[in-house]
PDB file of all heavy atoms in Angstrom:
ATOM      1  N   THR A   1     169.367  54.583 114.453  1.00  0.00           N
ATOM      2  CA  THR A   1     168.653  55.162 113.323  1.00  0.00           C
ATOM      3  C   THR A   1     169.415  54.816 112.058  1.00  0.00           C
ATOM      4  O   THR A   1     170.627  55.000 111.987  1.00  0.00           O
ATOM      5  CB  THR A   1     168.537  56.698 113.464  1.00  0.00           C
ATOM      6  OG1 THR A   1     167.884  56.992 114.696  1.00  0.00           O
ATOM      7  CG2 THR A   1     167.751  57.298 112.312  1.00  0.00           C
ATOM      8  N   VAL A   2     168.704  54.308 111.056  1.00  0.00           N
ATOM      9  CA  VAL A   2     169.316  53.931 109.786  1.00  0.00           C
ATOM     10  C   VAL A   2     168.749  54.825 108.686  1.00  0.00           C
ATOM     11  O   VAL A   2     167.534  54.961 108.549  1.00  0.00           O
ATOM     12  CB  VAL A   2     169.045  52.446 109.449  1.00  0.00           C
ATOM     13  CG1 VAL A   2     169.652  52.085 108.102  1.00  0.00           C
ATOM     14  CG2 VAL A   2     169.578  51.547 110.554  1.00  0.00           C
ATOM     15  N   VAL A   3     169.645  55.449 107.913  1.00  0.00           N
ATOM     16  CA  VAL A   3     169.257  56.315 106.801  1.00  0.00           C
ATOM     17  C   VAL A   3     169.849  55.730 105.526  1.00  0.00           C
ATOM     18  O   VAL A   3     171.038  55.413 105.477  1.00  0.00           O
ATOM     19  CB  VAL A   3     169.770  57.761 107.005  1.00  0.00           C
ATOM     20  CG1 VAL A   3     169.381  58.640 105.827  1.00  0.00           C
ATOM     21  CG2 VAL A   3     169.251  58.340 108.308  1.00  0.00           C
ATOM     22  N   GLN A   4     169.020  55.573 104.499  1.00  0.00           N
ATOM     23  CA  GLN A   4     169.463  55.069 103.198  1.00  0.00           C
ATOM     24  C   GLN A   4     169.589  56.251 102.230  1.00  0.00           C
ATOM     25  O   GLN A   4     168.612  56.972 102.035  1.00  0.00           O
ATOM     26  CB  GLN A   4     168.447  54.073 102.634  1.00  0.00           C
ATOM     27  CG  GLN A   4     168.167  52.893 103.519  1.00  0.00           C
ATOM     28  CD  GLN A   4     169.271  51.866 103.502  1.00  0.00           C
ATOM     29  OE1 GLN A   4     169.972  51.710 102.523  1.00  0.00           O
ATOM     30  NE2 GLN A   4     169.425  51.167 104.602  1.00  0.00           N
ATOM     31  N   LEU A   5     170.758  56.453 101.660  1.00  0.00           N
ATOM     32  CA  LEU A   5     170.960  57.464 100.617  1.00  0.00           C
ATOM     33  C   LEU A   5     171.138  56.712  99.309  1.00  0.00           C
ATOM     34  O   LEU A   5     172.064  55.915  99.168  1.00  0.00           O
ATOM     35  CB  LEU A   5     172.206  58.304 100.900  1.00  0.00           C
ATOM     36  CG  LEU A   5     172.211  59.131 102.166  1.00  0.00           C
ATOM     37  CD1 LEU A   5     173.544  59.841 102.323  1.00  0.00           C
ATOM     38  CD2 LEU A   5     171.079  60.132 102.156  1.00  0.00           C
ATOM     39  N   GLN A   6     170.245  56.954  98.361  1.00  0.00           N
ATOM     40  CA  GLN A   6     170.285  56.190  97.117  1.00  0.00           C
ATOM     41  C   GLN A   6     169.871  57.080  95.955  1.00  0.00           C
ATOM     42  O   GLN A   6     168.927  57.857  96.064  1.00  0.00           O
ATOM     43  CB  GLN A   6     169.351  54.998  97.226  1.00  0.00           C
ATOM     44  CG  GLN A   6     169.447  54.047  96.068  1.00  0.00           C
ATOM     45  CD  GLN A   6     168.675  52.765  96.342  1.00  0.00           C
ATOM     46  OE1 GLN A   6     167.962  52.648  97.337  1.00  0.00           O
ATOM     47  NE2 GLN A   6     168.813  51.814  95.460  1.00  0.00           N
ATOM     48  N   ALA A   7     170.598  56.970  94.856  1.00  0.00           N
ATOM     49  CA  ALA A   7     170.245  57.670  93.624  1.00  0.00           C
ATOM     50  C   ALA A   7     169.747  56.637  92.619  1.00  0.00           C
ATOM     51  O   ALA A   7     170.403  55.625  92.383  1.00  0.00           O
ATOM     52  CB  ALA A   7     171.446  58.421  93.059  1.00  0.00           C
ATOM     53  N   ALA A   8     168.590  56.891  92.044  1.00  0.00           N
ATOM     54  CA  ALA A   8     168.019  55.975  91.052  1.00  0.00           C
ATOM     55  C   ALA A   8     168.910  55.903  89.816  1.00  0.00           C
ATOM     56  O   ALA A   8     169.603  56.865  89.474  1.00  0.00           O
ATOM     57  CB  ALA A   8     166.620  56.437  90.660  1.00  0.00           C
ATOM     58  N   GLN A   9     168.889  54.752  89.145  1.00  0.00           N
ATOM     59  CA  GLN A   9     169.708  54.545  87.937  1.00  0.00           C
ATOM     60  C   GLN A   9     169.389  55.549  86.851  1.00  0.00           C
ATOM     61  O   GLN A   9     170.269  55.951  86.102  1.00  0.00           O
ATOM     62  CB  GLN A   9     169.495  53.129  87.395  1.00  0.00           C
ATOM     63  CG  GLN A   9     170.164  52.062  88.191  1.00  0.00           C
ATOM     64  CD  GLN A   9     171.679  52.016  87.986  1.00  0.00           C
ATOM     65  OE1 GLN A   9     172.286  52.819  87.289  1.00  0.00           O
ATOM     66  NE2 GLN A   9     172.310  51.066  88.629  1.00  0.00           N
ATOM     67  N   ASP A  10     168.128  55.944  86.722  1.00  0.00           N
ATOM     68  CA  ASP A  10     167.716  56.790  85.604  1.00  0.00           C
ATOM     69  C   ASP A  10     167.591  58.270  85.992  1.00  0.00           C
ATOM     70  O   ASP A  10     166.991  59.050  85.263  1.00  0.00           O
ATOM     71  CB  ASP A  10     166.394  56.298  85.034  1.00  0.00           C
ATOM     72  CG  ASP A  10     165.275  56.284  86.060  1.00  0.00           C
ATOM     73  OD1 ASP A  10     165.559  56.430  87.266  1.00  0.00           O
ATOM     74  OD2 ASP A  10     164.120  56.137  85.657  1.00  0.00           O
ATOM     75  N   ALA A  11     168.158  58.654  87.137  1.00  0.00           N
ATOM     76  CA  ALA A  11     168.094  60.051  87.583  1.00  0.00           C
ATOM     77  C   ALA A  11     169.513  60.579  87.748  1.00  0.00           C
ATOM     78  O   ALA A  11     170.446  59.805  87.919  1.00  0.00           O
ATOM     79  CB  ALA A  11     167.337  60.143  88.898  1.00  0.00           C
ATOM     80  N   PRO A  12     169.671  61.894  87.693  1.00  0.00           N
ATOM     81  CA  PRO A  12     171.007  62.433  87.942  1.00  0.00           C
ATOM     82  C   PRO A  12     171.404  62.198  89.396  1.00  0.00           C
ATOM     83  O   PRO A  12     170.541  62.078  90.268  1.00  0.00           O
ATOM     84  CB  PRO A  12     170.845  63.925  87.653  1.00  0.00           C
ATOM     85  CG  PRO A  12     169.396  64.201  87.785  1.00  0.00           C
ATOM     86  CD  PRO A  12     168.686  62.920  87.423  1.00  0.00           C
ATOM     87  N   GLY A  13     172.677  62.116  89.646  1.00  0.00           N
ATOM     88  CA  GLY A  13     173.152  61.954  91.015  1.00  0.00           C
ATOM     89  C   GLY A  13     173.040  63.269  91.773  1.00  0.00           C
ATOM     90  O   GLY A  13     172.519  64.259  91.266  1.00  0.00           O
ATOM     91  N   PHE A  14     173.543  63.261  92.996  1.00  0.00           N
ATOM     92  CA  PHE A  14     173.510  64.467  93.822  1.00  0.00           C
ATOM     93  C   PHE A  14     174.700  64.465  94.770  1.00  0.00           C
ATOM     94  O   PHE A  14     175.243  63.427  95.104  1.00  0.00           O
ATOM     95  CB  PHE A  14     172.190  64.576  94.594  1.00  0.00           C
ATOM     96  CG  PHE A  14     171.892  63.399  95.493  1.00  0.00           C
ATOM     97  CD1 PHE A  14     172.268  63.404  96.822  1.00  0.00           C
ATOM     98  CD2 PHE A  14     171.230  62.283  94.995  1.00  0.00           C
ATOM     99  CE1 PHE A  14     171.997  62.327  97.640  1.00  0.00           C
ATOM    100  CE2 PHE A  14     170.945  61.203  95.808  1.00  0.00           C
ATOM    101  CZ  PHE A  14     171.328  61.228  97.142  1.00  0.00           C
ATOM    102  N   THR A  15     175.099  65.644  95.194  1.00  0.00           N
ATOM    103  CA  THR A  15     176.197  65.784  96.142  1.00  0.00           C
ATOM    104  C   THR A  15     175.624  65.832  97.547  1.00  0.00           C
ATOM    105  O   THR A  15     174.644  66.523  97.808  1.00  0.00           O
ATOM    106  CB  THR A  15     176.995  67.073  95.867  1.00  0.00           C
ATOM    107  OG1 THR A  15     177.535  66.989  94.546  1.00  0.00           O
ATOM    108  CG2 THR A  15     178.133  67.231  96.858  1.00  0.00           C
ATOM    109  N   THR A  16     176.246  65.085  98.457  1.00  0.00           N
ATOM    110  CA  THR A  16     175.846  65.104  99.853  1.00  0.00           C
ATOM    111  C   THR A  16     176.997  65.660 100.679  1.00  0.00           C
ATOM    112  O   THR A  16     178.131  65.219 100.541  1.00  0.00           O
ATOM    113  CB  THR A  16     175.495  63.686 100.349  1.00  0.00           C
ATOM    114  OG1 THR A  16     174.449  63.174  99.538  1.00  0.00           O
ATOM    115  CG2 THR A  16     175.050  63.701 101.798  1.00  0.00           C
ATOM    116  N   PHE A  17     176.689  66.645 101.510  1.00  0.00           N
ATOM    117  CA  PHE A  17     177.667  67.218 102.430  1.00  0.00           C
ATOM    118  C   PHE A  17     177.389  66.660 103.814  1.00  0.00           C
ATOM    119  O   PHE A  17     176.270  66.742 104.312  1.00  0.00           O
ATOM    120  CB  PHE A  17     177.574  68.745 102.439  1.00  0.00           C
ATOM    121  CG  PHE A  17     177.940  69.348 101.123  1.00  0.00           C
ATOM    122  CD1 PHE A  17     176.961  69.662 100.201  1.00  0.00           C
ATOM    123  CD2 PHE A  17     179.263  69.571 100.795  1.00  0.00           C
ATOM    124  CE1 PHE A  17     177.292  70.212  98.966  1.00  0.00           C
ATOM    125  CE2 PHE A  17     179.604  70.115  99.560  1.00  0.00           C
ATOM    126  CZ  PHE A  17     178.623  70.431  98.650  1.00  0.00           C
ATOM    127  N   PHE A  18     178.402  66.077 104.442  1.00  0.00           N
ATOM    128  CA  PHE A  18     178.271  65.470 105.753  1.00  0.00           C
ATOM    129  C   PHE A  18     178.782  66.465 106.789  1.00  0.00           C
ATOM    130  O   PHE A  18     179.989  66.680 106.924  1.00  0.00           O
ATOM    131  CB  PHE A  18     179.043  64.152 105.801  1.00  0.00           C
ATOM    132  CG  PHE A  18     178.431  63.098 104.915  1.00  0.00           C
ATOM    133  CD1 PHE A  18     178.699  63.058 103.558  1.00  0.00           C
ATOM    134  CD2 PHE A  18     177.567  62.158 105.450  1.00  0.00           C
ATOM    135  CE1 PHE A  18     178.116  62.094 102.744  1.00  0.00           C
ATOM    136  CE2 PHE A  18     176.992  61.188 104.642  1.00  0.00           C
ATOM    137  CZ  PHE A  18     177.263  61.158 103.289  1.00  0.00           C
ATOM    138  N   GLU A  19     177.852  67.095 107.474  1.00  0.00           N
ATOM    139  CA  GLU A  19     178.169  68.177 108.405  1.00  0.00           C
ATOM    140  C   GLU A  19     178.108  67.689 109.852  1.00  0.00           C
ATOM    141  O   GLU A  19     177.400  66.747 110.147  1.00  0.00           O
ATOM    142  CB  GLU A  19     177.173  69.325 108.197  1.00  0.00           C
ATOM    143  CG  GLU A  19     177.132  69.885 106.793  1.00  0.00           C
ATOM    144  CD  GLU A  19     178.405  70.608 106.378  1.00  0.00           C
ATOM    145  OE1 GLU A  19     179.311  70.767 107.222  1.00  0.00           O
ATOM    146  OE2 GLU A  19     178.493  71.009 105.223  1.00  0.00           O
ATOM    147  N   PRO A  20     178.835  68.303 110.775  1.00  0.00           N
ATOM    148  CA  PRO A  20     179.521  69.574 110.668  1.00  0.00           C
ATOM    149  C   PRO A  20     180.955  69.484 110.150  1.00  0.00           C
ATOM    150  O   PRO A  20     181.597  70.506 109.941  1.00  0.00           O
ATOM    151  CB  PRO A  20     179.508  70.094 112.110  1.00  0.00           C
ATOM    152  CG  PRO A  20     179.579  68.866 112.938  1.00  0.00           C
ATOM    153  CD  PRO A  20     178.799  67.826 112.168  1.00  0.00           C
ATOM    154  N   GLU A  21     181.476  68.286 109.894  1.00  0.00           N
ATOM    155  CA  GLU A  21     182.862  68.169 109.457  1.00  0.00           C
ATOM    156  C   GLU A  21     183.093  68.635 108.023  1.00  0.00           C
ATOM    157  O   GLU A  21     184.187  68.997 107.654  1.00  0.00           O
ATOM    158  CB  GLU A  21     183.355  66.723 109.606  1.00  0.00           C
ATOM    159  CG  GLU A  21     183.593  66.314 111.042  1.00  0.00           C
ATOM    160  CD  GLU A  21     182.349  65.878 111.773  1.00  0.00           C
ATOM    161  OE1 GLU A  21     181.234  66.005 111.224  1.00  0.00           O
ATOM    162  OE2 GLU A  21     182.472  65.414 112.918  1.00  0.00           O
ATOM    163  N   GLY A  22     182.063  68.582 107.194  1.00  0.00           N
ATOM    164  CA  GLY A  22     182.190  69.070 105.826  1.00  0.00           C
ATOM    165  C   GLY A  22     182.645  68.035 104.817  1.00  0.00           C
ATOM    166  O   GLY A  22     183.048  68.376 103.712  1.00  0.00           O
ATOM    167  N   GLY A  23     182.577  66.740 105.176  1.00  0.00           N
ATOM    168  CA  GLY A  23     182.886  65.710 104.201  1.00  0.00           C
ATOM    169  C   GLY A  23     181.909  65.801 103.037  1.00  0.00           C
ATOM    170  O   GLY A  23     180.769  66.206 103.198  1.00  0.00           O
ATOM    171  N   GLU A  24     182.360  65.427 101.854  1.00  0.00           N
ATOM    172  CA  GLU A  24     181.525  65.558 100.653  1.00  0.00           C
ATOM    173  C   GLU A  24     181.603  64.273  99.844  1.00  0.00           C
ATOM    174  O   GLU A  24     182.667  63.688  99.681  1.00  0.00           O
ATOM    175  CB  GLU A  24     182.040  66.731  99.834  1.00  0.00           C
ATOM    176  CG  GLU A  24     181.289  66.992  98.560  1.00  0.00           C
ATOM    177  CD  GLU A  24     181.866  68.187  97.805  1.00  0.00           C
ATOM    178  OE1 GLU A  24     182.410  69.106  98.433  1.00  0.00           O
ATOM    179  OE2 GLU A  24     181.778  68.175  96.570  1.00  0.00           O
ATOM    180  N   ARG A  25     180.448  63.844  99.335  1.00  0.00           N
ATOM    181  CA  ARG A  25     180.418  62.658  98.469  1.00  0.00           C
ATOM    182  C   ARG A  25     179.347  62.838  97.415  1.00  0.00           C
ATOM    183  O   ARG A  25     178.212  63.216  97.713  1.00  0.00           O
ATOM    184  CB  ARG A  25     180.124  61.410  99.287  1.00  0.00           C
ATOM    185  CG  ARG A  25     179.959  60.170  98.410  1.00  0.00           C
ATOM    186  CD  ARG A  25     180.534  58.995  99.002  1.00  0.00           C
ATOM    187  NE  ARG A  25     180.342  57.827  98.145  1.00  0.00           N
ATOM    188  CZ  ARG A  25     180.890  56.691  98.381  1.00  0.00           C
ATOM    189  NH1 ARG A  25     181.661  56.541  99.417  1.00  0.00           N
ATOM    190  NH2 ARG A  25     180.676  55.676  97.587  1.00  0.00           N
ATOM    191  N   PHE A  26     179.718  62.546  96.172  1.00  0.00           N
ATOM    192  CA  PHE A  26     178.748  62.553  95.083  1.00  0.00           C
ATOM    193  C   PHE A  26     178.074  61.190  95.066  1.00  0.00           C
ATOM    194  O   PHE A  26     178.733  60.155  95.026  1.00  0.00           O
ATOM    195  CB  PHE A  26     179.421  62.838  93.738  1.00  0.00           C
ATOM    196  CG  PHE A  26     178.439  62.903  92.604  1.00  0.00           C
ATOM    197  CD1 PHE A  26     177.598  63.990  92.465  1.00  0.00           C
ATOM    198  CD2 PHE A  26     178.342  61.857  91.705  1.00  0.00           C
ATOM    199  CE1 PHE A  26     176.672  64.048  91.429  1.00  0.00           C
ATOM    200  CE2 PHE A  26     177.426  61.903  90.665  1.00  0.00           C
ATOM    201  CZ  PHE A  26     176.595  63.000  90.530  1.00  0.00           C
ATOM    202  N   ILE A  27     176.761  61.185  95.129  1.00  0.00           N
ATOM    203  CA  ILE A  27     175.982  59.946  95.055  1.00  0.00           C
ATOM    204  C   ILE A  27     175.566  59.792  93.597  1.00  0.00           C
ATOM    205  O   ILE A  27     174.657  60.463  93.123  1.00  0.00           O
ATOM    206  CB  ILE A  27     174.748  59.998  95.977  1.00  0.00           C
ATOM    207  CG1 ILE A  27     175.104  60.445  97.396  1.00  0.00           C
ATOM    208  CG2 ILE A  27     174.022  58.663  95.989  1.00  0.00           C
ATOM    209  CD1 ILE A  27     176.007  59.509  98.158  1.00  0.00           C
ATOM    210  N   ALA A  28     176.278  58.949  92.883  1.00  0.00           N
ATOM    211  CA  ALA A  28     176.050  58.745  91.453  1.00  0.00           C
ATOM    212  C   ALA A  28     174.830  57.847  91.240  1.00  0.00           C
ATOM    213  O   ALA A  28     174.416  57.118  92.140  1.00  0.00           O
ATOM    214  CB  ALA A  28     177.287  58.120  90.814  1.00  0.00           C
ATOM    215  N   PRO A  29     174.243  57.896  90.035  1.00  0.00           N
ATOM    216  CA  PRO A  29     173.117  57.002  89.745  1.00  0.00           C
ATOM    217  C   PRO A  29     173.475  55.544  90.071  1.00  0.00           C
ATOM    218  O   PRO A  29     174.527  55.060  89.675  1.00  0.00           O
ATOM    219  CB  PRO A  29     172.889  57.198  88.249  1.00  0.00           C
ATOM    220  CG  PRO A  29     173.339  58.604  88.009  1.00  0.00           C
ATOM    221  CD  PRO A  29     174.548  58.775  88.905  1.00  0.00           C
ATOM    222  N   GLY A  30     172.622  54.901  90.846  1.00  0.00           N
ATOM    223  CA  GLY A  30     172.853  53.515  91.250  1.00  0.00           C
ATOM    224  C   GLY A  30     173.611  53.365  92.558  1.00  0.00           C
ATOM    225  O   GLY A  30     173.666  52.274  93.108  1.00  0.00           O
ATOM    226  N   ASP A  31     174.224  54.449  93.055  1.00  0.00           N
ATOM    227  CA  ASP A  31     174.922  54.371  94.344  1.00  0.00           C
ATOM    228  C   ASP A  31     173.917  54.238  95.473  1.00  0.00           C
ATOM    229  O   ASP A  31     172.789  54.716  95.397  1.00  0.00           O
ATOM    230  CB  ASP A  31     175.778  55.618  94.596  1.00  0.00           C
ATOM    231  CG  ASP A  31     177.077  55.602  93.814  1.00  0.00           C
ATOM    232  OD1 ASP A  31     177.357  54.593  93.133  1.00  0.00           O
ATOM    233  OD2 ASP A  31     177.805  56.607  93.884  1.00  0.00           O
ATOM    234  N   HIS A  32     174.369  53.596  96.556  1.00  0.00           N
ATOM    235  CA  HIS A  32     173.489  53.350  97.696  1.00  0.00           C
ATOM    236  C   HIS A  32     174.358  53.295  98.951  1.00  0.00           C
ATOM    237  O   HIS A  32     175.172  52.390  99.094  1.00  0.00           O
ATOM    238  CB  HIS A  32     172.773  52.023  97.467  1.00  0.00           C
ATOM    239  CG  HIS A  32     171.829  51.652  98.553  1.00  0.00           C
ATOM    240  ND1 HIS A  32     171.047  50.537  98.479  1.00  0.00           N
ATOM    241  CD2 HIS A  32     171.521  52.213  99.726  1.00  0.00           C
ATOM    242  CE1 HIS A  32     170.306  50.436  99.567  1.00  0.00           C
ATOM    243  NE2 HIS A  32     170.600  51.447 100.341  1.00  0.00           N
ATOM    244  N   LEU A  33     174.199  54.287  99.831  1.00  0.00           N
ATOM    245  CA  LEU A  33     174.910  54.310 101.106  1.00  0.00           C
ATOM    246  C   LEU A  33     173.926  54.045 102.228  1.00  0.00           C
ATOM    247  O   LEU A  33     172.798  54.543 102.212  1.00  0.00           O
ATOM    248  CB  LEU A  33     175.566  55.671 101.362  1.00  0.00           C
ATOM    249  CG  LEU A  33     176.656  56.137 100.421  1.00  0.00           C
ATOM    250  CD1 LEU A  33     177.194  57.485 100.899  1.00  0.00           C
ATOM    251  CD2 LEU A  33     177.782  55.137 100.340  1.00  0.00           C
ATOM    252  N   THR A  34     174.354  53.284 103.215  1.00  0.00           N
ATOM    253  CA  THR A  34     173.579  53.073 104.426  1.00  0.00           C
ATOM    254  C   THR A  34     174.322  53.750 105.566  1.00  0.00           C
ATOM    255  O   THR A  34     175.489  53.458 105.806  1.00  0.00           O
ATOM    256  CB  THR A  34     173.421  51.573 104.740  1.00  0.00           C
ATOM    257  OG1 THR A  34     172.730  50.956 103.658  1.00  0.00           O
ATOM    258  CG2 THR A  34     172.627  51.360 106.018  1.00  0.00           C
ATOM    259  N   VAL A  35     173.646  54.676 106.240  1.00  0.00           N
ATOM    260  CA  VAL A  35     174.242  55.405 107.363  1.00  0.00           C
ATOM    261  C   VAL A  35     173.520  54.955 108.625  1.00  0.00           C
ATOM    262  O   VAL A  35     172.293  55.070 108.714  1.00  0.00           O
ATOM    263  CB  VAL A  35     174.101  56.929 107.177  1.00  0.00           C
ATOM    264  CG1 VAL A  35     174.774  57.668 108.328  1.00  0.00           C
ATOM    265  CG2 VAL A  35     174.664  57.374 105.835  1.00  0.00           C
ATOM    266  N   THR A  36     174.272  54.425 109.588  1.00  0.00           N
ATOM    267  CA  THR A  36     173.694  53.943 110.836  1.00  0.00           C
ATOM    268  C   THR A  36     174.224  54.775 111.995  1.00  0.00           C
ATOM    269  O   THR A  36     175.437  54.903 112.155  1.00  0.00           O
ATOM    270  CB  THR A  36     174.042  52.458 111.065  1.00  0.00           C
ATOM    271  OG1 THR A  36     173.598  51.699 109.938  1.00  0.00           O
ATOM    272  CG2 THR A  36     173.387  51.928 112.319  1.00  0.00           C
TER     273      THR A  36
END
């Protein structure tokens, strides 16, 4: 399963919490993570 986390350039970013471990990452405008 592939999940794309992406924040548009012209929108505010968002914080993503990776559970259950509790890792945290701010997805800034223009950021793009691929989770497989």
